[in-house]
Every structure is written in structure tokens, then in C-alpha cells.
Amino acid sequence: MILLKITNASDVVASKAGKLFEKMTPEMIDQKLVESQVIQQMIEQLQLEGLKGQISSVKGLEINEDNLITKSSFKIRSIKTF
């Protein structure tokens, strides 16, 4: 299993769509937009390599050193099979 955390979603949205759009959208929406695009690009590349699997977008996970922490608000936002 691979876990990927994007920590600069607002910066990416600002650089791609402009500062005005970034200021109008909350951090949570920026995160979802960037995650969606990253997932789509990953799926395309993994399929080109002949890999099959599943990518999930989740909310409420944290990694602290060697510990995986699930918050009470843990939620699977989406699952994409490729």
C-alpha cells in the first residue's frame, strides 16, 4: 500500500488557476481538486505500465513517525479502480 499526502494544494491551485481563484476557494476544496487531478494522472500512468489496482482518497488519516492514526472523522471520499 502506498500513502500519498499532498501538503501544498493551495499553492498548486494558485499557480495553475491564479491567486484570485485560490483566495475564493477554501483549503478543503483546493485539496480535493489537486487530489482528483493527481489520482487521474497516476491512474493513466499506472495503466500504461500494465498495472491494475485501486486508488482511494480518504480524509482523517495521519502518520506520526511509525504510527498510523485514524481520526473519528475518518471517511473514504472516493475509490477508483484501474
C-alpha atoms as a PDB file:
ATOM      1  CA  MET A   1       0.000   0.000   0.000  1.00  0.00           C
ATOM      2  CA  ILE A   2       1.203   3.485  -0.823  1.00  0.00           C
ATOM      3  CA  LEU A   3       0.059   6.545   1.079  1.00  0.00           C
ATOM      4  CA  LEU A   4       0.499   9.946  -0.552  1.00  0.00           C
ATOM      5  CA  LYS A   5      -0.131  13.225   1.269  1.00  0.00           C
ATOM      6  CA  ILE A   6      -0.299  16.472  -0.680  1.00  0.00           C
ATOM      7  CA  THR A   7       0.665  19.400   1.524  1.00  0.00           C
ATOM      8  CA  ASN A   8       0.655  22.347  -0.887  1.00  0.00           C
ATOM      9  CA  ALA A   9      -2.724  22.094  -2.628  1.00  0.00           C
ATOM     10  CA  SER A  10      -3.500  25.805  -2.276  1.00  0.00           C
ATOM     11  CA  ASP A  11      -0.143  26.752  -3.783  1.00  0.00           C
ATOM     12  CA  VAL A  12      -0.754  24.485  -6.766  1.00  0.00           C
ATOM     13  CA  VAL A  13      -4.246  25.877  -7.319  1.00  0.00           C
ATOM     14  CA  ALA A  14      -2.884  29.427  -7.084  1.00  0.00           C
ATOM     15  CA  SER A  15      -0.124  28.731  -9.612  1.00  0.00           C
ATOM     16  CA  LYS A  16      -2.446  26.947 -12.058  1.00  0.00           C
ATOM     17  CA  ALA A  17      -5.648  28.985 -11.738  1.00  0.00           C
ATOM     18  CA  GLY A  18      -4.429  32.272 -10.321  1.00  0.00           C
ATOM     19  CA  LYS A  19      -4.304  33.927  -6.928  1.00  0.00           C
ATOM     20  CA  LEU A  20      -7.869  35.251  -7.139  1.00  0.00           C
ATOM     21  CA  PHE A  21      -9.338  31.761  -7.606  1.00  0.00           C
ATOM     22  CA  GLU A  22      -7.166  30.405  -4.788  1.00  0.00           C
ATOM     23  CA  LYS A  23      -8.412  33.118  -2.416  1.00  0.00           C
ATOM     24  CA  MET A  24     -12.036  32.344  -3.313  1.00  0.00           C
ATOM     25  CA  THR A  25     -11.777  28.603  -2.644  1.00  0.00           C
ATOM     26  CA  PRO A  26     -11.357  27.047   0.798  1.00  0.00           C
ATOM     27  CA  GLU A  27      -8.347  24.836   1.542  1.00  0.00           C
ATOM     28  CA  MET A  28     -10.560  21.727   1.591  1.00  0.00           C
ATOM     29  CA  ILE A  29     -11.779  22.344  -1.973  1.00  0.00           C
ATOM     30  CA  ASP A  30      -8.215  23.014  -3.147  1.00  0.00           C
ATOM     31  CA  GLN A  31      -7.141  19.694  -1.617  1.00  0.00           C
ATOM     32  CA  LYS A  32      -9.949  17.805  -3.378  1.00  0.00           C
ATOM     33  CA  LEU A  33      -9.186  19.436  -6.750  1.00  0.00           C
ATOM     34  CA  VAL A  34      -5.492  18.633  -6.570  1.00  0.00           C
ATOM     35  CA  GLU A  35      -6.099  15.097  -5.283  1.00  0.00           C
ATOM     36  CA  SER A  36      -8.538  14.437  -8.102  1.00  0.00           C
ATOM     37  CA  GLN A  37      -6.037  15.549 -10.739  1.00  0.00           C
ATOM     38  CA  VAL A  38      -3.154  13.620  -9.155  1.00  0.00           C
ATOM     39  CA  ILE A  39      -5.262  10.460  -8.948  1.00  0.00           C
ATOM     40  CA  GLN A  40      -6.301  10.769 -12.593  1.00  0.00           C
ATOM     41  CA  GLN A  41      -2.704  11.250 -13.737  1.00  0.00           C
ATOM     42  CA  MET A  42      -1.496   8.360 -11.576  1.00  0.00           C
ATOM     43  CA  ILE A  43      -4.168   6.048 -12.978  1.00  0.00           C
ATOM     44  CA  GLU A  44      -3.214   6.948 -16.544  1.00  0.00           C
ATOM     45  CA  GLN A  45       0.478   6.277 -15.908  1.00  0.00           C
ATOM     46  CA  LEU A  46      -0.114   3.050 -13.973  1.00  0.00           C
ATOM     47  CA  GLN A  47      -2.365   1.725 -16.735  1.00  0.00           C
ATOM     48  CA  LEU A  48       0.352   2.483 -19.308  1.00  0.00           C
ATOM     49  CA  GLU A  49       2.678   0.269 -17.249  1.00  0.00           C
ATOM     50  CA  GLY A  50       0.097  -2.533 -17.260  1.00  0.00           C
ATOM     51  CA  LEU A  51      -0.624  -2.280 -13.550  1.00  0.00           C
ATOM     52  CA  LYS A  52      -4.072  -2.908 -12.096  1.00  0.00           C
ATOM     53  CA  GLY A  53      -5.285  -1.836  -8.697  1.00  0.00           C
ATOM     54  CA  GLN A  54      -7.223   0.692  -6.726  1.00  0.00           C
ATOM     55  CA  ILE A  55      -6.615   4.260  -5.541  1.00  0.00           C
ATOM     56  CA  SER A  56      -8.623   5.664  -2.661  1.00  0.00           C
ATOM     57  CA  SER A  57      -8.975   9.238  -1.472  1.00  0.00           C
ATOM     58  CA  VAL A  58      -9.509   9.381   2.283  1.00  0.00           C
ATOM     59  CA  LYS A  59      -9.991  12.027   4.938  1.00  0.00           C
ATOM     60  CA  GLY A  60      -8.967  11.646   8.580  1.00  0.00           C
ATOM     61  CA  LEU A  61      -5.629   9.798   8.405  1.00  0.00           C
ATOM     62  CA  GLU A  62      -2.354  10.980   9.871  1.00  0.00           C
ATOM     63  CA  ILE A  63       1.083   9.454  10.118  1.00  0.00           C
ATOM     64  CA  ASN A  64       3.131  10.216  13.207  1.00  0.00           C
ATOM     65  CA  GLU A  65       6.564   8.587  12.984  1.00  0.00           C
ATOM     66  CA  ASP A  66       5.710   4.857  12.666  1.00  0.00           C
ATOM     67  CA  ASN A  67       2.066   5.179  13.735  1.00  0.00           C
ATOM     68  CA  LEU A  68      -0.993   5.421  11.527  1.00  0.00           C
ATOM     69  CA  ILE A  69      -3.676   7.473  13.264  1.00  0.00           C
ATOM     70  CA  THR A  70      -7.307   7.430  12.217  1.00  0.00           C
ATOM     71  CA  LYS A  71      -9.450  10.302  13.381  1.00  0.00           C
ATOM     72  CA  SER A  72     -13.079   9.921  14.381  1.00  0.00           C
ATOM     73  CA  SER A  73     -13.974  11.811  11.200  1.00  0.00           C
ATOM     74  CA  PHE A  74     -12.271   9.144   9.021  1.00  0.00           C
ATOM     75  CA  LYS A  75     -14.023   8.912   5.683  1.00  0.00           C
ATOM     76  CA  ILE A  76     -13.292   7.332   2.320  1.00  0.00           C
ATOM     77  CA  ARG A  77     -14.041  10.079  -0.198  1.00  0.00           C
ATOM     78  CA  SER A  78     -13.623   8.062  -3.380  1.00  0.00           C
ATOM     79  CA  ILE A  79     -12.299   4.785  -4.745  1.00  0.00           C
ATOM     80  CA  LYS A  80     -11.045   4.425  -8.316  1.00  0.00           C
ATOM     81  CA  THR A  81     -10.251   1.037  -9.804  1.00  0.00           C
ATOM     82  CA  PHE A  82      -7.881   0.815 -12.746  1.00  0.00           C
END
